[in-house]
Amino acid sequence: MSTIDYAQKIPNNVNLSDDRTLQRALEGWQPNFIQWWDDVGPEGSTDFEVYLRTAVSVDPQGWAQFGHVKMRDYRWGIFLNPGDANRQIHFGDHKGEKAWTDVPGEHRANLRRIIVTQGDTEPASVEQQRHLGLTAPSMYDLRNLFQINVEEGRHLWAMVYLLHKHFGRDGREEAEALLQRQSGDENNPRILGAFNEKTPDWLSFFMFTYFTDRDGKFQLAALSESAFDPLARTTKFMLTEEAHHMFVGESGVSRVIARTCQVMNELKTDDVQKVRAAGAIDLPTIQRYLNFHYSVTIDLFGADQSSNAATFYSSGLKGRYEEGKRDDDHLLKGQSYRVLEVQNGQLVDKEVPMLNALNEVLRDDFIKDSVAGVNRWNKVIEKAGIPLRLSVPHKAFNRQIGALAGLKLSPEGQVVSEAEWQARQAEWLPTAEDRAFVASLMGRVVEPGKFANWISPPVMGINRQPVDFEYVRFN
């Protein structure tokens, strides 16, 4: 069914009330989730009424119903796209067989690992963004932050439902552990490195939602191809919500750039210190933030060559981005792909079996998508008549995972010595001074229609509401 039953303690469209054991287990997990939200969710937001979208069904007419909702009363639930009883596996060794509605025993450990890893990223981003509401540049932006936070919380529910329903005691223990790990915790950190980085300011937040949520898009898209049908249906609906998160990132950075260009033109200068003195974020600092978040994010795709990736694909657990639209045999045996490696201190291309390079295939798809958005940011700069252009760094830049980990490389892709890296690192990555400057701009502006000096207003409001709409009622 596509309509979501809000009469239940846990809103759902999976007929949860028909499975009392599962329902009781999830209702037992629910108070722990609420406690986690209260402890590390958006700080000080409990009594705010926020103009949020809430799904009442998963069809196009029902997935985005808008209205003011008290943050504490938001109804997190379990929503799956409708199933197709005749769906077939369309890649890997099981191609042509009927898709699985239950977990095959031989794939149990790998599927659990995939779901736990995806599930671990969802609460992590909420934790990383916990304090940002205290420094929102506008009521419009504060509303967007909270929308993302509640939806990441719901994405956690999506993965926890799969763990509880399909993985027995192991799944329940993993679901508890998702609330026990915490972003940046020295003793019990989140699984993936990028989700232990701090998101201390709104420029970081916009970069995170542009790049790191885009990683989420590609990972979810690959999982939406899965032979395990409940995972495919779950992630398809998550993708619908993820699109807004990337919009917040792309439009947020674009508005920062627009304001910077406006200040540069008013002052008729590209002098960094003068731009900063006027309260805008200079373009070189934006480039360094871009370099950092891009390089941290492409590490999330994993090692360049991975036997796990080959196993996941051949087993039918995880496909490629838009697997169904690709014109090949969907088996990939005997095919090859080019990856980078270091030989004699230089980067060279190397042909490797395609199946082992599927992390790299997904990473390259992400890179193409990311570059398109950076080009749109450059249109803003070009329109302002300013010659500087932003760019993504070389994909081997600042890598910490895989064959390229630890390689010292300029953003343009030139291998440099350790000494040159140390000498020029401040040109390429945000410095403590950069971060302190950006932090100095983070004052809270939440009157309707008002915006901080370092960011331009959006072109239009949410759900066609005016920009000065009362998106948050503080009570």
Protein backbone atom coordinates (compact mmCIF):
# COMPACT_ATOMS: atom_id res chain seq x y z
CA MET A 1 0.00 0.00 0.00
CA SER A 2 1.23 3.53 -0.72
CA THR A 3 -0.85 5.44 1.90
CA ILE A 4 0.88 5.80 5.26
CA ASP A 5 -1.07 4.84 8.37
CA TYR A 6 -0.58 7.66 10.90
CA ALA A 7 -3.01 6.10 13.39
CA GLN A 8 -0.27 3.69 14.42
CA LYS A 9 2.32 4.44 17.10
CA ILE A 10 4.89 4.09 14.32
CA PRO A 11 3.55 5.55 11.04
CA ASN A 12 4.07 3.02 8.26
CA ASN A 13 2.90 1.68 4.94
CA VAL A 14 4.21 -1.86 5.55
CA ASN A 15 1.19 -3.27 7.45
CA LEU A 16 3.23 -3.30 10.63
CA SER A 17 0.17 -4.12 12.77
CA ASP A 18 -0.03 -7.52 11.01
CA ASP A 19 3.28 -8.56 12.60
CA ARG A 20 2.89 -8.05 16.35
CA THR A 21 6.36 -9.35 17.21
CA LEU A 22 8.05 -6.93 14.84
CA GLN A 23 5.75 -4.11 15.93
CA ARG A 24 6.62 -4.66 19.60
CA ALA A 25 10.34 -4.81 18.81
CA LEU A 26 10.25 -1.53 16.90
CA GLU A 27 8.06 0.11 19.54
CA GLY A 28 10.70 -0.96 22.04
CA TRP A 29 13.41 0.74 19.94
CA GLN A 30 11.33 3.91 19.49
CA PRO A 31 11.93 5.44 23.00
CA ASN A 32 15.68 4.93 22.56
CA PHE A 33 15.51 6.79 19.25
CA ILE A 34 13.60 9.67 20.88
CA GLN A 35 16.16 9.78 23.68
CA TRP A 36 18.95 9.88 21.10
CA TRP A 37 17.14 12.73 19.28
CA ASP A 38 16.73 14.65 22.53
CA ASP A 39 20.39 14.11 23.47
CA VAL A 40 22.14 14.87 20.17
CA GLY A 41 19.46 16.09 17.74
CA PRO A 42 19.01 19.78 16.78
CA GLU A 43 19.88 21.77 19.88
CA GLY A 44 17.13 23.77 21.52
CA SER A 45 14.53 22.98 18.86
CA THR A 46 12.03 20.96 20.92
CA ASP A 47 9.26 23.57 21.07
CA PHE A 48 9.81 25.09 17.62
CA GLU A 49 7.01 24.74 15.09
CA VAL A 50 8.69 24.27 11.72
CA TYR A 51 7.22 24.38 8.21
CA LEU A 52 8.14 20.79 7.32
CA ARG A 53 7.15 18.44 4.56
CA THR A 54 5.81 15.11 5.74
CA ALA A 55 4.92 12.13 3.57
CA VAL A 56 1.33 10.89 3.84
CA SER A 57 1.88 8.41 1.02
CA VAL A 58 4.79 7.47 -1.22
CA ASP A 59 3.08 8.41 -4.50
CA PRO A 60 3.83 11.76 -6.18
CA GLN A 61 0.74 13.44 -4.69
CA GLY A 62 1.47 12.47 -1.11
CA TRP A 63 5.16 12.42 -0.36
CA ALA A 64 5.51 16.17 0.28
CA GLN A 65 2.69 17.59 2.42
CA PHE A 66 3.71 20.87 4.05
CA GLY A 67 2.63 22.37 7.34
CA HIS A 68 3.94 23.67 10.67
CA VAL A 69 4.93 20.76 12.92
CA LYS A 70 6.31 20.97 16.43
CA MET A 71 9.76 19.41 16.18
CA ARG A 72 9.19 17.10 19.14
CA ASP A 73 5.93 15.90 17.56
CA TYR A 74 7.40 14.95 14.18
CA ARG A 75 6.23 11.43 13.23
CA TRP A 76 9.17 9.32 12.08
CA GLY A 77 8.00 6.22 10.27
CA ILE A 78 8.61 3.39 7.84
CA PHE A 79 7.85 4.05 4.18
CA LEU A 80 8.59 1.71 1.29
CA ASN A 81 7.85 2.21 -2.38
CA PRO A 82 5.21 -0.20 -3.73
CA GLY A 83 6.58 -3.61 -4.69
CA ASP A 84 6.35 -5.50 -7.97
CA ALA A 85 5.54 -9.17 -7.37
CA ASN A 86 7.16 -10.06 -10.71
CA ARG A 87 10.37 -8.05 -10.27
CA GLN A 88 13.46 -9.89 -11.52
CA ILE A 89 17.10 -9.52 -10.57
CA HIS A 90 18.68 -7.63 -13.46
CA PHE A 91 22.44 -7.96 -12.84
CA GLY A 92 25.01 -10.34 -11.44
CA ASP A 93 25.07 -14.11 -11.24
CA HIS A 94 21.37 -14.33 -10.30
CA LYS A 95 20.25 -12.22 -13.29
CA GLY A 96 16.82 -13.31 -14.51
CA GLU A 97 15.80 -14.92 -11.21
CA LYS A 98 12.97 -13.56 -9.10
CA ALA A 99 14.00 -10.78 -6.70
CA TRP A 100 14.30 -11.85 -3.04
CA THR A 101 11.71 -10.85 -0.46
CA ASP A 102 13.78 -12.46 2.33
CA VAL A 103 17.51 -12.52 2.96
CA PRO A 104 19.25 -15.57 1.42
CA GLY A 105 21.37 -17.24 4.10
CA GLU A 106 24.58 -17.08 2.06
CA HIS A 107 24.26 -13.30 1.68
CA ARG A 108 23.12 -12.55 5.21
CA ALA A 109 26.40 -11.20 6.56
CA ASN A 110 27.11 -8.98 3.54
CA LEU A 111 23.58 -7.56 3.40
CA ARG A 112 23.67 -6.78 7.11
CA ARG A 113 27.01 -5.03 6.68
CA ILE A 114 25.66 -2.94 3.78
CA ILE A 115 22.51 -1.92 5.69
CA VAL A 116 24.41 -1.12 8.89
CA THR A 117 26.96 1.00 7.03
CA GLN A 118 24.22 2.96 5.25
CA GLY A 119 22.20 3.24 8.47
CA ASP A 120 25.21 4.54 10.40
CA THR A 121 25.53 7.60 8.13
CA GLU A 122 21.97 8.82 8.83
CA PRO A 123 22.16 9.67 12.56
CA ALA A 124 25.78 10.75 12.08
CA SER A 125 24.85 13.76 9.98
CA VAL A 126 22.22 14.84 12.54
CA GLU A 127 24.89 14.69 15.24
CA GLN A 128 27.36 16.64 13.07
CA GLN A 129 24.77 19.39 12.52
CA ARG A 130 23.46 19.55 16.07
CA HIS A 131 24.63 23.09 16.86
CA LEU A 132 24.06 24.75 13.48
CA GLY A 133 20.59 25.98 14.40
CA LEU A 134 22.22 28.35 16.88
CA THR A 135 23.98 30.21 14.06
CA ALA A 136 21.44 30.01 11.22
CA PRO A 137 21.87 32.81 8.65
CA SER A 138 18.08 33.08 8.19
CA MET A 139 14.77 31.55 9.19
CA TYR A 140 14.57 30.04 5.67
CA ASP A 141 17.91 28.25 6.18
CA LEU A 142 16.97 27.17 9.70
CA ARG A 143 13.87 25.50 8.30
CA ASN A 144 15.92 23.69 5.64
CA LEU A 145 18.37 22.45 8.28
CA PHE A 146 15.55 21.00 10.37
CA GLN A 147 13.92 19.41 7.30
CA ILE A 148 17.16 17.61 6.56
CA ASN A 149 17.60 16.59 10.20
CA VAL A 150 14.15 15.01 10.54
CA GLU A 151 14.52 13.20 7.21
CA GLU A 152 17.94 11.81 8.09
CA GLY A 153 16.29 10.57 11.29
CA ARG A 154 13.61 8.89 9.17
CA HIS A 155 16.27 7.31 6.95
CA LEU A 156 17.67 5.76 10.11
CA TRP A 157 14.21 4.30 10.74
CA ALA A 158 14.24 2.87 7.20
CA MET A 159 17.43 0.90 7.85
CA VAL A 160 16.39 -0.11 11.38
CA TYR A 161 13.14 -1.56 10.00
CA LEU A 162 15.14 -3.80 7.63
CA LEU A 163 17.47 -4.90 10.44
CA HIS A 164 14.60 -5.74 12.79
CA LYS A 165 12.43 -7.48 10.20
CA HIS A 166 15.06 -9.52 8.38
CA PHE A 167 18.04 -10.08 10.70
CA GLY A 168 16.62 -11.34 13.99
CA ARG A 169 18.64 -10.79 17.16
CA ASP A 170 21.70 -9.69 15.17
CA GLY A 171 19.60 -7.02 13.52
CA ARG A 172 18.18 -5.77 16.81
CA GLU A 173 21.66 -5.52 18.30
CA GLU A 174 22.90 -3.63 15.24
CA ALA A 175 19.91 -1.25 15.51
CA GLU A 176 20.84 -0.49 19.13
CA ALA A 177 24.46 0.07 18.15
CA LEU A 178 23.35 2.68 15.58
CA LEU A 179 22.21 4.83 18.52
CA GLN A 180 25.31 4.13 20.60
CA ARG A 181 28.03 5.14 18.13
CA GLN A 182 28.43 8.91 17.86
CA SER A 183 30.07 11.16 15.32
CA GLY A 184 33.60 12.03 16.39
CA ASP A 185 33.48 9.90 19.55
CA GLU A 186 37.06 8.74 20.22
CA ASN A 187 35.95 5.42 21.69
CA ASN A 188 32.90 4.65 19.56
CA PRO A 189 32.96 6.71 16.34
CA ARG A 190 30.75 6.43 13.28
CA ILE A 191 31.87 3.80 10.75
CA LEU A 192 32.93 6.11 7.88
CA GLY A 193 35.53 8.84 8.29
CA ALA A 194 33.59 11.71 6.69
CA PHE A 195 30.84 11.25 9.26
CA ASN A 196 33.29 11.89 12.09
CA GLU A 197 34.39 15.25 10.66
CA LYS A 198 32.98 18.37 12.30
CA THR A 199 30.39 20.53 10.57
CA PRO A 200 31.15 23.67 12.57
CA ASP A 201 29.76 26.38 10.27
CA TRP A 202 27.19 26.88 7.54
CA LEU A 203 29.68 26.93 4.68
CA SER A 204 30.74 23.45 5.82
CA PHE A 205 27.06 22.47 6.06
CA PHE A 206 26.33 23.61 2.51
CA MET A 207 29.44 21.81 1.21
CA PHE A 208 28.45 18.68 3.16
CA THR A 209 24.91 18.67 1.78
CA TYR A 210 26.20 19.29 -1.75
CA PHE A 211 29.02 16.71 -1.80
CA THR A 212 28.42 14.21 1.01
CA ASP A 213 24.65 13.96 0.53
CA ARG A 214 25.44 13.45 -3.15
CA ASP A 215 27.52 10.44 -2.14
CA GLY A 216 24.32 9.35 -0.37
CA LYS A 217 22.42 9.73 -3.63
CA PHE A 218 24.81 7.44 -5.50
CA GLN A 219 25.02 4.87 -2.72
CA LEU A 220 21.23 4.77 -2.35
CA ALA A 221 20.80 4.57 -6.13
CA ALA A 222 23.15 1.57 -6.26
CA LEU A 223 21.23 -0.08 -3.41
CA SER A 224 17.89 0.64 -5.11
CA GLU A 225 18.99 -1.85 -7.79
CA SER A 226 19.46 -4.61 -5.20
CA ALA A 227 18.12 -8.14 -5.65
CA PHE A 228 16.93 -7.87 -2.03
CA ASP A 229 13.61 -6.23 -2.82
CA PRO A 230 12.84 -4.63 0.58
CA LEU A 231 16.18 -2.80 0.41
CA ALA A 232 15.51 -1.66 -3.17
CA ARG A 233 12.03 -0.37 -2.29
CA THR A 234 13.25 1.38 0.87
CA THR A 235 16.12 3.20 -0.79
CA LYS A 236 13.99 4.31 -3.74
CA PHE A 237 11.80 6.34 -1.40
CA MET A 238 14.84 7.65 0.49
CA LEU A 239 16.19 8.98 -2.83
CA THR A 240 13.06 11.09 -3.22
CA GLU A 241 13.84 12.88 0.04
CA GLU A 242 17.60 13.07 -0.55
CA ALA A 243 17.15 15.34 -3.57
CA HIS A 244 16.11 18.26 -1.33
CA HIS A 245 19.23 17.86 0.79
CA MET A 246 21.45 18.31 -2.26
CA PHE A 247 19.34 21.30 -3.34
CA VAL A 248 20.03 22.93 0.03
CA GLY A 249 23.76 22.42 -0.52
CA GLU A 250 23.93 23.56 -4.11
CA SER A 251 21.69 26.61 -3.65
CA GLY A 252 23.39 27.45 -0.33
CA VAL A 253 26.89 27.59 -1.81
CA SER A 254 25.50 29.44 -4.82
CA ARG A 255 23.99 32.10 -2.54
CA VAL A 256 27.29 32.46 -0.63
CA ILE A 257 29.10 32.96 -3.95
CA ALA A 258 26.49 35.44 -5.17
CA ARG A 259 26.92 37.58 -2.05
CA THR A 260 30.72 37.44 -2.33
CA CYS A 261 30.61 38.53 -5.97
CA GLN A 262 28.23 41.35 -5.06
CA VAL A 263 30.67 42.62 -2.42
CA MET A 264 33.63 42.29 -4.80
CA ASN A 265 31.83 44.35 -7.42
CA GLU A 266 30.67 46.97 -4.93
CA LEU A 267 34.23 47.39 -3.62
CA LYS A 268 35.77 46.85 -7.07
CA THR A 269 38.36 44.50 -5.61
CA ASP A 270 39.41 40.88 -5.44
CA ASP A 271 41.59 41.54 -2.41
CA VAL A 272 40.84 38.76 0.06
CA GLN A 273 41.30 40.91 3.15
CA LYS A 274 39.02 43.65 1.84
CA VAL A 275 36.33 41.11 0.95
CA ARG A 276 36.62 39.61 4.41
CA ALA A 277 36.56 43.02 6.06
CA ALA A 278 33.24 43.62 4.30
CA GLY A 279 31.84 40.47 5.93
CA ALA A 280 31.79 38.18 2.88
CA ILE A 281 33.60 34.88 2.33
CA ASP A 282 36.34 35.29 -0.28
CA LEU A 283 36.36 32.95 -3.26
CA PRO A 284 39.77 31.36 -2.44
CA THR A 285 38.39 30.27 0.96
CA ILE A 286 35.30 28.81 -0.74
CA GLN A 287 37.67 26.90 -3.08
CA ARG A 288 39.62 25.47 -0.11
CA TYR A 289 36.40 24.36 1.58
CA LEU A 290 35.36 22.77 -1.72
CA ASN A 291 38.70 20.94 -1.96
CA PHE A 292 38.32 19.55 1.55
CA HIS A 293 34.73 18.36 1.36
CA TYR A 294 35.13 16.94 -2.15
CA SER A 295 38.24 14.93 -1.25
CA VAL A 296 36.80 13.64 2.02
CA THR A 297 33.61 12.62 0.25
CA ILE A 298 35.16 10.69 -2.64
CA ASP A 299 36.95 8.56 -0.04
CA LEU A 300 33.48 7.36 1.00
CA PHE A 301 33.28 5.27 -2.18
CA GLY A 302 36.02 3.01 -0.80
CA ALA A 303 39.19 1.51 -2.23
CA ASP A 304 39.91 1.81 -5.95
CA GLN A 305 39.98 -1.96 -6.25
CA SER A 306 37.75 -4.01 -4.00
CA SER A 307 36.92 -7.70 -3.92
CA ASN A 308 33.95 -6.82 -1.69
CA ALA A 309 32.53 -4.58 -4.42
CA ALA A 310 32.89 -7.44 -6.91
CA THR A 311 31.13 -9.82 -4.51
CA PHE A 312 28.31 -7.37 -3.80
CA TYR A 313 27.67 -6.91 -7.54
CA SER A 314 27.96 -10.55 -8.63
CA SER A 315 25.73 -11.59 -5.72
CA GLY A 316 23.11 -9.05 -6.75
CA LEU A 317 23.32 -7.10 -3.47
CA LYS A 318 24.37 -3.73 -4.89
CA GLY A 319 24.24 -2.57 -8.51
CA ARG A 320 25.75 0.36 -10.33
CA TYR A 321 24.20 3.83 -10.56
CA GLU A 322 21.26 3.52 -13.01
CA GLU A 323 22.07 -0.15 -13.62
CA GLY A 324 18.90 -0.67 -15.63
CA LYS A 325 19.80 2.05 -18.14
CA ARG A 326 23.25 0.64 -18.96
CA ASP A 327 23.72 -1.14 -22.27
CA ASP A 328 25.93 -4.10 -21.41
CA ASP A 329 25.54 -7.67 -20.20
CA HIS A 330 25.16 -6.68 -16.50
CA LEU A 331 27.58 -9.47 -15.60
CA LEU A 332 30.81 -7.55 -16.31
CA LYS A 333 33.02 -10.64 -16.39
CA GLY A 334 35.97 -10.21 -18.72
CA GLN A 335 35.51 -6.43 -18.82
CA SER A 336 38.06 -3.95 -17.53
CA TYR A 337 38.18 -0.39 -16.15
CA ARG A 338 40.96 2.14 -15.69
CA VAL A 339 42.05 3.09 -12.19
CA LEU A 340 44.92 5.27 -11.02
CA GLU A 341 47.96 3.99 -9.23
CA VAL A 342 51.40 5.33 -8.35
CA GLN A 343 54.47 4.05 -10.19
CA ASN A 344 57.90 5.58 -9.56
CA GLY A 345 56.30 8.54 -7.85
CA GLN A 346 53.93 9.28 -10.74
CA LEU A 347 50.24 8.62 -11.38
CA VAL A 348 49.54 6.13 -14.15
CA ASP A 349 46.40 4.48 -15.50
CA LYS A 350 46.04 0.77 -14.98
CA GLU A 351 43.48 -1.60 -16.51
CA VAL A 352 41.88 -3.81 -13.86
CA PRO A 353 38.91 -6.20 -13.93
CA MET A 354 35.70 -4.16 -14.03
CA LEU A 355 34.13 -6.13 -11.20
CA ASN A 356 36.96 -5.16 -8.86
CA ALA A 357 36.74 -1.51 -9.92
CA LEU A 358 33.05 -0.92 -9.19
CA ASN A 359 33.82 1.49 -6.34
CA GLU A 360 35.78 3.53 -8.88
CA VAL A 361 32.91 3.34 -11.40
CA LEU A 362 30.51 4.76 -8.81
CA ARG A 363 33.08 7.38 -7.76
CA ASP A 364 33.49 8.53 -11.37
CA ASP A 365 29.70 8.80 -11.76
CA PHE A 366 29.65 10.96 -8.62
CA ILE A 367 32.47 13.14 -9.96
CA LYS A 368 30.61 13.87 -13.21
CA ASP A 369 27.50 14.85 -11.23
CA SER A 370 29.51 17.02 -8.83
CA VAL A 371 31.32 18.87 -11.60
CA ALA A 372 28.02 19.82 -13.21
CA GLY A 373 26.97 21.66 -10.05
CA VAL A 374 30.34 23.39 -9.68
CA ASN A 375 29.90 24.63 -13.24
CA ARG A 376 26.56 26.11 -12.21
CA TRP A 377 28.34 27.94 -9.35
CA ASN A 378 30.79 29.27 -11.91
CA LYS A 379 27.89 30.68 -13.93
CA VAL A 380 27.11 32.88 -10.90
CA ILE A 381 30.70 34.17 -10.87
CA GLU A 382 30.75 34.60 -14.65
CA LYS A 383 27.47 36.53 -14.57
CA ALA A 384 29.05 38.89 -12.04
CA GLY A 385 31.91 39.55 -14.48
CA ILE A 386 34.60 38.08 -12.24
CA PRO A 387 37.30 35.98 -13.97
CA LEU A 388 38.04 33.45 -11.17
CA ARG A 389 36.49 29.97 -11.54
CA LEU A 390 35.99 27.21 -8.96
CA SER A 391 36.98 23.64 -9.76
CA VAL A 392 37.04 20.22 -8.15
CA PRO A 393 40.55 19.02 -7.31
CA HIS A 394 42.13 15.97 -8.92
CA LYS A 395 40.52 12.81 -7.62
CA ALA A 396 43.83 11.64 -6.12
CA PHE A 397 44.11 14.85 -4.04
CA ASN A 398 44.08 14.50 -0.24
CA ARG A 399 42.98 10.87 -0.32
CA GLN A 400 43.04 8.73 2.82
CA ILE A 401 41.62 5.45 1.45
CA GLY A 402 42.79 3.03 -1.25
CA ALA A 403 45.93 2.88 -3.38
CA LEU A 404 46.14 6.70 -3.47
CA ALA A 405 46.00 7.13 0.31
CA GLY A 406 48.66 9.44 1.61
CA LEU A 407 49.90 10.47 -1.84
CA LYS A 408 51.00 14.10 -1.87
CA LEU A 409 49.39 15.77 -4.84
CA SER A 410 48.44 19.30 -5.84
CA PRO A 411 44.77 19.99 -6.66
CA GLU A 412 45.82 20.04 -10.34
CA GLY A 413 47.15 16.48 -10.10
CA GLN A 414 50.91 17.06 -9.87
CA VAL A 415 52.76 14.76 -7.49
CA VAL A 416 54.65 16.92 -4.98
CA SER A 417 57.23 16.23 -2.32
CA GLU A 418 56.35 16.06 1.37
CA ALA A 419 58.14 19.37 1.83
CA GLU A 420 56.13 21.10 -0.92
CA TRP A 421 52.91 19.62 0.45
CA GLN A 422 53.68 21.03 3.89
CA ALA A 423 54.66 24.39 2.42
CA ARG A 424 51.59 24.76 0.20
CA GLN A 425 48.88 22.91 2.11
CA ALA A 426 47.46 26.21 3.33
CA GLU A 427 46.84 27.20 -0.31
CA TRP A 428 44.79 24.08 -0.93
CA LEU A 429 42.89 23.19 2.22
CA PRO A 430 41.08 25.33 4.82
CA THR A 431 43.44 26.66 7.47
CA ALA A 432 42.66 27.28 11.10
CA GLU A 433 42.57 30.97 10.19
CA ASP A 434 40.03 30.31 7.40
CA ARG A 435 37.81 28.37 9.75
CA ALA A 436 38.11 31.01 12.47
CA PHE A 437 37.14 33.72 9.98
CA VAL A 438 34.11 31.79 8.70
CA ALA A 439 33.13 31.03 12.30
CA SER A 440 33.32 34.74 13.10
CA LEU A 441 30.51 35.38 10.59
CA MET A 442 28.16 32.82 12.10
CA GLY A 443 25.72 35.03 14.00
CA ARG A 444 22.09 33.98 14.27
CA VAL A 445 19.61 35.80 12.00
CA VAL A 446 16.08 34.45 12.28
CA GLU A 447 13.68 37.37 11.68
CA PRO A 448 11.39 36.53 8.72
CA GLY A 449 12.89 37.83 5.47
CA LYS A 450 16.25 38.81 7.05
CA PHE A 451 19.57 37.24 5.98
CA ALA A 452 23.11 37.30 7.32
CA ASN A 453 25.46 39.63 5.48
CA TRP A 454 27.55 36.81 4.00
CA ILE A 455 24.75 35.07 2.06
CA SER A 456 22.20 36.21 -0.51
CA PRO A 457 18.48 35.47 -0.13
CA PRO A 458 17.11 32.57 -2.21
CA VAL A 459 15.32 33.26 -5.48
CA MET A 460 12.10 31.78 -4.07
CA GLY A 461 10.80 30.23 -0.87
CA ILE A 462 9.88 26.67 0.01
CA ASN A 463 6.68 25.26 -1.53
CA ARG A 464 6.10 28.58 -3.33
CA GLN A 465 5.86 30.46 -0.05
CA PRO A 466 7.37 33.97 0.02
CA VAL A 467 10.99 34.29 1.17
CA ASP A 468 9.82 36.23 4.27
CA PHE A 469 7.32 33.51 5.24
CA GLU A 470 7.35 32.52 8.92
CA TYR A 471 9.08 29.16 8.35
CA VAL A 472 9.78 28.67 12.06
CA ARG A 473 7.57 29.69 14.98
CA PHE A 474 9.71 29.90 18.10
CA ASN A 475 6.85 29.96 20.63
